[in-house]
Amino acid sequence: MTLEKTDFYPDLFSAGDKIYFDHNATAPLCRKIVSSAPELLEAFGNPSSIHQFGRRPKKIIRDARNQFAKFIDCHPLELIFTSGGSESNSLVLKSEFLRAKKAGIKNPHFVVSKIEHPASIKSIEQLKELGLKVSWIEVDRNGQVDFSQYQSLFQEPVHLVSCMLANNETGCILPIKEMCQFAKSQGAKFHTDAVQALGKMEFSLKELDVDYASFAGHKFYAMKGVGALFSKQGNVIENLISGGGQERSRRGGTENTLGIASMGIVAEFFPQQKSYIEYVRTLRDSLEEKLVSRISNLEILGRETNRVCNTSSVFIQGVDGESLLMNLDLAGIAVSTGAACSSGNPEPSPVLIAMGLSHAEAQSSMRVSLGWGSTMAEVDRFIEELEKVVIRLRAIKENGGEL
């Protein structure tokens, strides 16, 4: 079956003239989910029930599990469906901490990158209060790991390493396979937050050989409120949500049938759309070339490194990021100043600070993240509007806040 681009990007905007360049915050629903919803909603039974009303949603979940497992290259029973990426990250970090404590390790030692999502960082901070010891992986201005510094963190036993596959703010891809190989040679387990990798790069969990990987549906055209944790066969997950034994007693609570089905739907059709990765990368590269040629004193962070196809992290000297975002919004263009989960936070992005940017530089940065429905016409309009906004904001700053 061949799908058109519109199957992945429905007409979401009634005005027809708005531009959505914030796909790393969330992506629009795959149209196939919308068209399948009436039939899926008829399967209203509890999947734990043994009668026919329960068997129907149970089959939907089983099919989705198989589809998504095939997509990321793992065994279906290695998947635990959750409410999203934040829960998946929290589940593996807290579970591994509890497992280590039960094994008699007084102060379990985790190695974590400084550019992790707040869901991981805040879980780590909570666990530190309970005795967790943390060593931090440094990154350079391109968002890349200093491998020698990473290796030096294993001078004492490490229980778990946690490092994302692709960063949500810069799009930089981390060398997870090599990092995992070294961690395992030192007897440590490895977790990767792969939320931002889905739909933006090709990867195989079998090739990466990680022990755990986190995913979120709404980042790759499935529904919000659903995600998954890959847990390699043989791992034991401490159940943080007690319930009726769902997900093989690893995550309690009645399953989100519609949400889980949405992940399976996108996973089923996505392999036929691999050319879209190159399509979006072409748009992103064109956007960056035009940015550099049209706007002075601008830096694209991580441009010379391996990145997912859709993301540009841009530092524009002399322009406040929040002011930039609001002015673009008034022009009908949606971008972000960093992690959307932290919108409204006046503090600069911890990720950009970890990469070595000053507070002023981090506050003068924005994230542009394209999607399957983005077009070259939108890229051109974005560049035109951005250029106007930058000129205006720089003029205001030079005149002491007045035009």
Protein backbone atom coordinates (compact mmCIF):
# COMPACT_ATOMS: atom_id res chain seq x y z
CA MET A 1 0.00 0.00 0.00
CA THR A 2 1.39 3.40 -0.99
CA LEU A 3 0.43 6.41 1.11
CA GLU A 4 0.51 10.03 0.07
CA LYS A 5 2.15 12.65 2.26
CA THR A 6 -1.29 13.89 3.32
CA ASP A 7 -1.85 10.55 5.04
CA PHE A 8 0.79 11.60 7.53
CA TYR A 9 -0.06 15.28 7.70
CA PRO A 10 -3.78 16.10 7.75
CA ASP A 11 -5.03 19.64 7.15
CA LEU A 12 -4.81 20.91 10.71
CA PHE A 13 -4.98 24.64 10.15
CA SER A 14 -8.30 26.20 9.19
CA ALA A 15 -6.67 29.51 8.19
CA GLY A 16 -4.45 27.67 5.75
CA ASP A 17 -1.61 30.18 6.07
CA LYS A 18 0.08 29.17 9.32
CA ILE A 19 3.42 27.38 9.47
CA TYR A 20 4.12 24.69 12.07
CA PHE A 21 7.87 24.26 12.56
CA ASP A 22 7.73 22.74 16.06
CA HIS A 23 7.45 19.02 15.35
CA ASN A 24 9.91 18.11 18.12
CA ALA A 25 7.32 19.42 20.59
CA THR A 26 4.58 17.27 19.08
CA ALA A 27 3.57 16.03 15.64
CA PRO A 28 0.13 16.04 14.02
CA LEU A 29 -1.77 12.78 13.90
CA CYS A 30 -1.26 10.38 11.05
CA ARG A 31 -4.46 10.58 9.00
CA LYS A 32 -4.80 6.79 9.08
CA ILE A 33 -5.36 7.04 12.86
CA VAL A 34 -8.17 9.51 12.34
CA SER A 35 -9.87 7.32 9.75
CA SER A 36 -9.41 4.20 11.91
CA ALA A 37 -10.68 5.81 15.11
CA PRO A 38 -14.42 4.98 14.73
CA GLU A 39 -13.69 1.27 14.36
CA LEU A 40 -11.13 1.30 17.18
CA LEU A 41 -13.49 3.14 19.52
CA GLU A 42 -16.06 0.38 19.08
CA ALA A 43 -13.58 -1.92 20.84
CA PHE A 44 -14.49 -0.36 24.19
CA GLY A 45 -14.07 -3.48 26.31
CA ASN A 46 -11.43 -3.98 28.98
CA PRO A 47 -8.52 -5.92 27.41
CA SER A 48 -8.20 -7.93 30.64
CA SER A 49 -11.73 -9.32 30.29
CA ILE A 50 -11.96 -12.84 28.90
CA HIS A 51 -15.29 -12.34 27.10
CA GLN A 52 -15.58 -11.20 23.49
CA PHE A 53 -15.73 -7.51 24.44
CA GLY A 54 -12.31 -7.90 26.07
CA ARG A 55 -10.81 -10.12 23.40
CA ARG A 56 -11.29 -7.51 20.68
CA PRO A 57 -9.20 -4.71 22.27
CA LYS A 58 -6.71 -7.31 23.45
CA LYS A 59 -6.13 -8.32 19.82
CA ILE A 60 -5.77 -4.66 18.80
CA ILE A 61 -3.07 -4.21 21.44
CA ARG A 62 -1.33 -7.44 20.43
CA ASP A 63 -1.28 -6.38 16.77
CA ALA A 64 0.06 -2.93 17.66
CA ARG A 65 2.74 -4.49 19.85
CA ASN A 66 3.87 -6.66 16.95
CA GLN A 67 3.84 -3.72 14.51
CA PHE A 68 5.84 -1.40 16.74
CA ALA A 69 8.29 -4.14 17.73
CA LYS A 70 8.99 -4.85 14.06
CA PHE A 71 9.49 -1.14 13.45
CA ILE A 72 12.20 -0.73 16.11
CA ASP A 73 13.57 -4.28 15.66
CA CYS A 74 12.88 -6.05 18.93
CA HIS A 75 10.72 -8.90 20.25
CA PRO A 76 7.10 -7.88 20.97
CA LEU A 77 7.30 -9.12 24.56
CA GLU A 78 10.22 -6.77 25.18
CA LEU A 79 7.82 -3.80 24.92
CA ILE A 80 6.04 -2.19 27.86
CA PHE A 81 3.37 0.31 26.87
CA THR A 82 3.34 3.44 29.04
CA SER A 83 1.79 6.91 29.04
CA GLY A 84 4.73 8.44 27.16
CA GLY A 85 8.43 9.17 27.10
CA SER A 86 8.54 10.80 30.53
CA GLU A 87 7.05 7.75 32.22
CA SER A 88 9.29 5.40 30.26
CA ASN A 89 12.42 7.29 31.32
CA SER A 90 11.29 7.51 34.93
CA LEU A 91 10.32 3.83 35.01
CA VAL A 92 13.70 2.48 33.91
CA LEU A 93 15.77 4.86 36.04
CA LYS A 94 13.81 4.25 39.23
CA SER A 95 13.47 0.54 38.57
CA GLU A 96 17.21 0.07 38.09
CA PHE A 97 17.89 2.10 41.23
CA LEU A 98 15.54 -0.10 43.25
CA ARG A 99 17.04 -3.27 41.77
CA ALA A 100 20.51 -2.13 42.75
CA LYS A 101 19.40 -1.25 46.29
CA LYS A 102 17.75 -4.66 46.66
CA ALA A 103 21.03 -6.24 45.54
CA GLY A 104 22.74 -4.58 48.49
CA ILE A 105 24.39 -1.65 46.68
CA LYS A 106 24.22 1.24 49.14
CA ASN A 107 24.91 4.01 46.63
CA PRO A 108 24.20 2.82 43.08
CA HIS A 109 26.31 4.65 40.49
CA PHE A 110 24.65 5.98 37.33
CA VAL A 111 26.43 7.71 34.44
CA VAL A 112 24.13 10.23 32.73
CA SER A 113 24.63 12.78 29.98
CA LYS A 114 24.14 16.45 30.79
CA ILE A 115 21.80 16.92 27.81
CA GLU A 116 19.06 14.50 28.85
CA HIS A 117 15.38 15.42 28.80
CA PRO A 118 14.03 16.97 32.04
CA ALA A 119 12.07 13.76 32.66
CA SER A 120 15.37 11.95 33.16
CA ILE A 121 17.22 14.77 34.92
CA LYS A 122 14.45 15.29 37.48
CA SER A 123 14.18 11.56 38.14
CA ILE A 124 17.93 11.49 38.74
CA GLU A 125 17.69 14.43 41.15
CA GLN A 126 14.97 12.59 43.10
CA LEU A 127 17.08 9.44 43.29
CA LYS A 128 20.14 11.39 44.48
CA GLU A 129 18.18 12.22 47.63
CA LEU A 130 17.79 8.47 48.19
CA GLY A 131 21.49 7.68 47.81
CA LEU A 132 22.15 7.59 44.07
CA LYS A 133 25.63 8.61 42.95
CA VAL A 134 25.72 10.33 39.56
CA SER A 135 28.60 11.03 37.19
CA TRP A 136 27.84 13.38 34.31
CA ILE A 137 28.84 12.88 30.67
CA GLU A 138 30.15 16.12 29.17
CA VAL A 139 29.39 17.32 25.63
CA ASP A 140 31.09 19.91 23.41
CA ARG A 141 29.57 22.87 21.55
CA ASN A 142 28.46 20.47 18.81
CA GLY A 143 26.55 18.38 21.34
CA GLN A 144 28.94 15.45 21.01
CA VAL A 145 30.35 13.25 23.76
CA ASP A 146 33.99 13.46 24.78
CA PHE A 147 34.61 9.70 24.69
CA SER A 148 37.74 9.87 26.83
CA GLN A 149 35.86 11.79 29.50
CA TYR A 150 33.02 9.25 29.24
CA GLN A 151 35.42 6.34 29.75
CA SER A 152 37.01 8.06 32.74
CA LEU A 153 33.68 7.91 34.60
CA PHE A 154 34.04 4.13 34.99
CA GLN A 155 36.92 4.24 37.45
CA GLU A 156 34.48 2.81 39.98
CA PRO A 157 31.64 0.35 39.24
CA VAL A 158 28.75 1.75 37.20
CA HIS A 159 25.29 0.22 37.43
CA LEU A 160 23.54 2.07 34.58
CA VAL A 161 24.35 4.51 31.78
CA SER A 162 21.59 6.76 30.42
CA CYS A 163 22.16 8.78 27.25
CA MET A 164 19.68 9.85 24.60
CA LEU A 165 19.94 8.66 21.01
CA ALA A 166 19.01 12.04 19.50
CA ASN A 167 18.77 15.31 21.39
CA ASN A 168 15.38 17.01 21.39
CA GLU A 169 16.79 20.55 21.18
CA THR A 170 19.67 20.23 18.72
CA GLY A 171 18.88 17.01 16.84
CA CYS A 172 22.45 15.80 17.45
CA ILE A 173 22.80 12.02 17.30
CA LEU A 174 24.95 10.48 20.04
CA PRO A 175 27.26 7.46 19.46
CA ILE A 176 25.03 5.12 21.42
CA LYS A 177 26.28 1.87 19.90
CA GLU A 178 29.91 2.60 20.83
CA MET A 179 28.97 3.98 24.25
CA CYS A 180 26.86 0.90 24.95
CA GLN A 181 29.65 -1.47 23.92
CA PHE A 182 32.05 0.20 26.34
CA ALA A 183 29.49 0.29 29.16
CA LYS A 184 28.79 -3.42 28.79
CA SER A 185 32.50 -4.20 28.78
CA GLN A 186 32.53 -2.57 32.22
CA GLY A 187 29.52 -4.52 33.47
CA ALA A 188 26.98 -1.68 33.24
CA LYS A 189 23.51 -1.67 31.72
CA PHE A 190 22.57 0.94 29.11
CA HIS A 191 19.40 3.01 28.64
CA THR A 192 18.75 5.37 25.74
CA ASP A 193 15.98 7.93 25.39
CA ALA A 194 15.02 7.38 21.74
CA VAL A 195 11.93 9.59 21.77
CA GLN A 196 13.25 12.11 19.23
CA ALA A 197 14.75 9.47 16.94
CA LEU A 198 11.46 7.96 15.78
CA GLY A 199 10.55 9.03 12.26
CA LYS A 200 13.71 11.12 11.92
CA MET A 201 16.43 8.50 11.50
CA GLU A 202 16.66 4.79 10.83
CA PHE A 203 17.91 2.57 13.64
CA SER A 204 17.67 -0.97 14.97
CA LEU A 205 17.54 -1.82 18.66
CA LYS A 206 19.25 -5.12 17.93
CA GLU A 207 22.16 -3.27 16.34
CA LEU A 208 22.36 -0.69 19.13
CA ASP A 209 22.24 -3.56 21.66
CA VAL A 210 20.93 -1.34 24.45
CA ASP A 211 19.17 -2.77 27.50
CA TYR A 212 16.41 -0.16 27.58
CA ALA A 213 14.96 2.42 25.19
CA SER A 214 12.18 4.97 25.71
CA PHE A 215 9.60 6.09 23.13
CA ALA A 216 6.64 8.50 22.89
CA GLY A 217 3.78 8.23 20.43
CA HIS A 218 3.04 11.89 19.83
CA LYS A 219 6.56 12.64 18.59
CA PHE A 220 6.05 10.51 15.48
CA TYR A 221 2.46 11.17 14.39
CA ALA A 222 0.72 8.86 16.89
CA MET A 223 -1.43 9.99 19.81
CA LYS A 224 -0.49 11.86 22.96
CA GLY A 225 -0.64 10.01 26.27
CA VAL A 226 0.96 6.81 25.02
CA GLY A 227 4.54 5.59 24.81
CA ALA A 228 6.67 2.51 25.23
CA LEU A 229 9.70 1.22 27.07
CA PHE A 230 11.87 -1.42 25.43
CA SER A 231 13.27 -3.72 28.10
CA LYS A 232 15.62 -6.39 26.77
CA GLN A 233 14.69 -9.96 27.57
CA GLY A 234 16.11 -10.95 30.94
CA ASN A 235 15.76 -7.54 32.56
CA VAL A 236 13.51 -7.29 35.61
CA ILE A 237 11.37 -4.15 35.87
CA GLU A 238 10.22 -2.98 39.28
CA ASN A 239 6.52 -2.18 38.95
CA LEU A 240 6.17 1.50 39.89
CA ILE A 241 2.44 1.54 39.09
CA SER A 242 0.68 -1.33 40.85
CA GLY A 243 -2.42 -2.71 39.21
CA GLY A 244 -4.03 -5.78 37.79
CA GLY A 245 -1.00 -7.37 36.19
CA GLN A 246 -1.13 -5.56 32.85
CA GLU A 247 1.97 -5.50 30.63
CA ARG A 248 3.09 -8.78 32.19
CA SER A 249 2.93 -7.17 35.65
CA ARG A 250 5.48 -4.52 34.69
CA ARG A 251 3.08 -1.57 34.42
CA GLY A 252 -0.34 -1.63 36.06
CA GLY A 253 -3.51 0.06 34.86
CA THR A 254 -6.06 -0.65 32.13
CA GLU A 255 -4.39 -0.26 28.76
CA ASN A 256 -4.93 2.75 26.48
CA THR A 257 -6.25 0.73 23.55
CA LEU A 258 -6.71 3.62 21.12
CA GLY A 259 -3.36 5.19 21.95
CA ILE A 260 -1.47 1.91 21.65
CA ALA A 261 -3.23 1.19 18.36
CA SER A 262 -2.11 4.58 17.04
CA MET A 263 1.54 3.65 17.59
CA GLY A 264 1.02 0.43 15.69
CA ILE A 265 -0.67 2.21 12.80
CA VAL A 266 2.19 4.65 12.26
CA ALA A 267 4.78 1.89 12.70
CA GLU A 268 3.02 -0.27 10.10
CA PHE A 269 3.05 2.36 7.37
CA PHE A 270 6.24 4.26 8.16
CA PRO A 271 8.69 1.84 6.46
CA GLN A 272 7.05 2.74 3.15
CA GLN A 273 7.92 6.38 3.78
CA LYS A 274 11.70 6.16 4.25
CA SER A 275 12.23 8.62 1.42
CA TYR A 276 10.54 11.24 3.59
CA ILE A 277 13.60 11.32 5.83
CA GLU A 278 15.66 12.47 2.86
CA TYR A 279 12.86 14.83 1.82
CA VAL A 280 12.82 16.54 5.22
CA ARG A 281 16.62 16.62 5.38
CA THR A 282 16.69 18.42 2.03
CA LEU A 283 14.28 21.03 3.39
CA ARG A 284 16.30 21.43 6.59
CA ASP A 285 19.59 21.82 4.72
CA SER A 286 18.05 24.42 2.40
CA LEU A 287 16.64 26.30 5.39
CA GLU A 288 20.06 26.39 7.06
CA GLU A 289 21.83 27.56 3.91
CA LYS A 290 19.36 30.42 3.57
CA LEU A 291 19.64 31.30 7.26
CA VAL A 292 23.41 31.62 7.05
CA SER A 293 23.32 33.65 3.83
CA ARG A 294 20.50 36.01 4.85
CA ILE A 295 21.08 36.70 8.57
CA SER A 296 24.36 37.92 10.04
CA ASN A 297 25.91 36.77 13.32
CA LEU A 298 24.03 33.48 13.27
CA GLU A 299 25.28 30.04 14.29
CA ILE A 300 23.66 26.67 13.65
CA LEU A 301 24.60 24.46 16.57
CA GLY A 302 25.92 21.02 15.68
CA ARG A 303 25.72 21.67 11.96
CA GLU A 304 28.92 19.74 11.23
CA THR A 305 27.85 16.67 13.21
CA ASN A 306 25.46 13.81 12.61
CA ARG A 307 21.89 14.99 13.28
CA VAL A 308 18.33 13.80 12.76
CA CYS A 309 16.81 15.03 9.51
CA ASN A 310 14.47 17.75 10.75
CA THR A 311 16.08 19.80 13.52
CA SER A 312 17.99 23.09 13.52
CA SER A 313 19.16 24.76 16.72
CA VAL A 314 19.95 28.37 15.86
CA PHE A 315 21.79 31.02 17.88
CA ILE A 316 21.11 34.57 16.64
CA GLN A 317 23.29 37.19 18.26
CA GLY A 318 21.54 40.29 19.58
CA VAL A 319 18.04 38.79 19.61
CA ASP A 320 16.09 37.52 22.62
CA GLY A 321 14.69 34.06 21.95
CA GLU A 322 11.33 34.65 23.64
CA SER A 323 10.80 37.90 21.74
CA LEU A 324 11.73 36.10 18.54
CA LEU A 325 9.24 33.32 19.23
CA MET A 326 6.40 35.73 20.01
CA ASN A 327 7.01 37.86 16.92
CA LEU A 328 7.10 34.79 14.69
CA ASP A 329 3.91 33.55 16.33
CA LEU A 330 2.22 36.84 15.44
CA ALA A 331 3.31 36.17 11.86
CA GLY A 332 1.66 32.74 11.99
CA ILE A 333 4.84 30.71 12.45
CA ALA A 334 5.41 28.26 15.32
CA VAL A 335 8.94 27.51 16.50
CA SER A 336 10.41 26.87 19.94
CA THR A 337 13.09 28.26 22.21
CA GLY A 338 13.98 24.81 23.54
CA ALA A 339 12.23 21.87 25.17
CA ALA A 340 8.49 22.50 24.91
CA CYS A 341 7.88 20.67 28.18
CA SER A 342 9.64 23.59 29.89
CA SER A 343 7.96 26.43 28.00
CA GLY A 344 7.44 29.46 30.16
CA ASN A 345 10.65 28.77 32.08
CA PRO A 346 12.71 32.00 32.10
CA GLU A 347 15.94 30.08 32.64
CA PRO A 348 18.07 29.32 29.56
CA SER A 349 18.14 25.80 28.18
CA PRO A 350 20.29 23.46 30.34
CA VAL A 351 21.16 21.56 27.16
CA LEU A 352 22.66 24.63 25.50
CA ILE A 353 24.46 25.59 28.71
CA ALA A 354 25.92 22.06 28.87
CA MET A 355 27.15 22.55 25.29
CA GLY A 356 29.16 25.54 26.43
CA LEU A 357 26.93 28.43 25.39
CA SER A 358 26.74 31.41 27.71
CA HIS A 359 23.42 32.31 29.34
CA ALA A 360 23.04 35.18 26.89
CA GLU A 361 23.74 32.93 23.90
CA ALA A 362 21.30 30.28 25.12
CA GLN A 363 18.60 32.91 25.57
CA SER A 364 19.20 34.08 22.00
CA SER A 365 18.57 30.63 20.52
CA MET A 366 15.60 28.94 18.91
CA ARG A 367 14.73 25.46 17.71
CA VAL A 368 13.23 24.87 14.27
CA SER A 369 11.88 21.34 13.74
CA LEU A 370 10.31 20.39 10.42
CA GLY A 371 7.89 17.56 9.70
CA TRP A 372 6.53 15.33 6.99
CA GLY A 373 4.11 18.00 5.82
CA SER A 374 6.62 20.85 5.66
CA THR A 375 7.24 22.40 2.24
CA MET A 376 9.89 24.50 0.52
CA ALA A 377 7.36 27.31 0.21
CA GLU A 378 7.00 27.30 4.00
CA VAL A 379 10.77 27.36 4.39
CA ASP A 380 11.03 30.40 2.11
CA ARG A 381 8.26 32.25 3.93
CA PHE A 382 9.83 31.43 7.28
CA ILE A 383 13.17 32.88 6.17
CA GLU A 384 11.49 36.06 4.94
CA GLU A 385 9.55 36.58 8.17
CA LEU A 386 12.51 35.70 10.36
CA GLU A 387 14.73 38.19 8.57
CA LYS A 388 12.16 40.96 9.17
CA VAL A 389 11.80 40.06 12.85
CA VAL A 390 15.56 39.91 13.46
CA ILE A 391 16.10 43.32 11.84
CA ARG A 392 13.30 44.80 13.93
CA LEU A 393 14.43 43.28 17.24
CA ARG A 394 18.06 44.26 16.69
CA ALA A 395 16.97 47.82 15.91
CA ILE A 396 14.94 47.95 19.13
CA LYS A 397 17.92 46.73 21.15
CA GLU A 398 20.29 49.22 19.52
CA ASN A 399 17.89 52.08 20.30
CA GLY A 400 17.58 51.19 23.96
CA GLY A 401 14.20 49.51 23.62
CA GLU A 402 12.60 52.03 21.25
CA LEU A 403 12.06 52.01 17.51
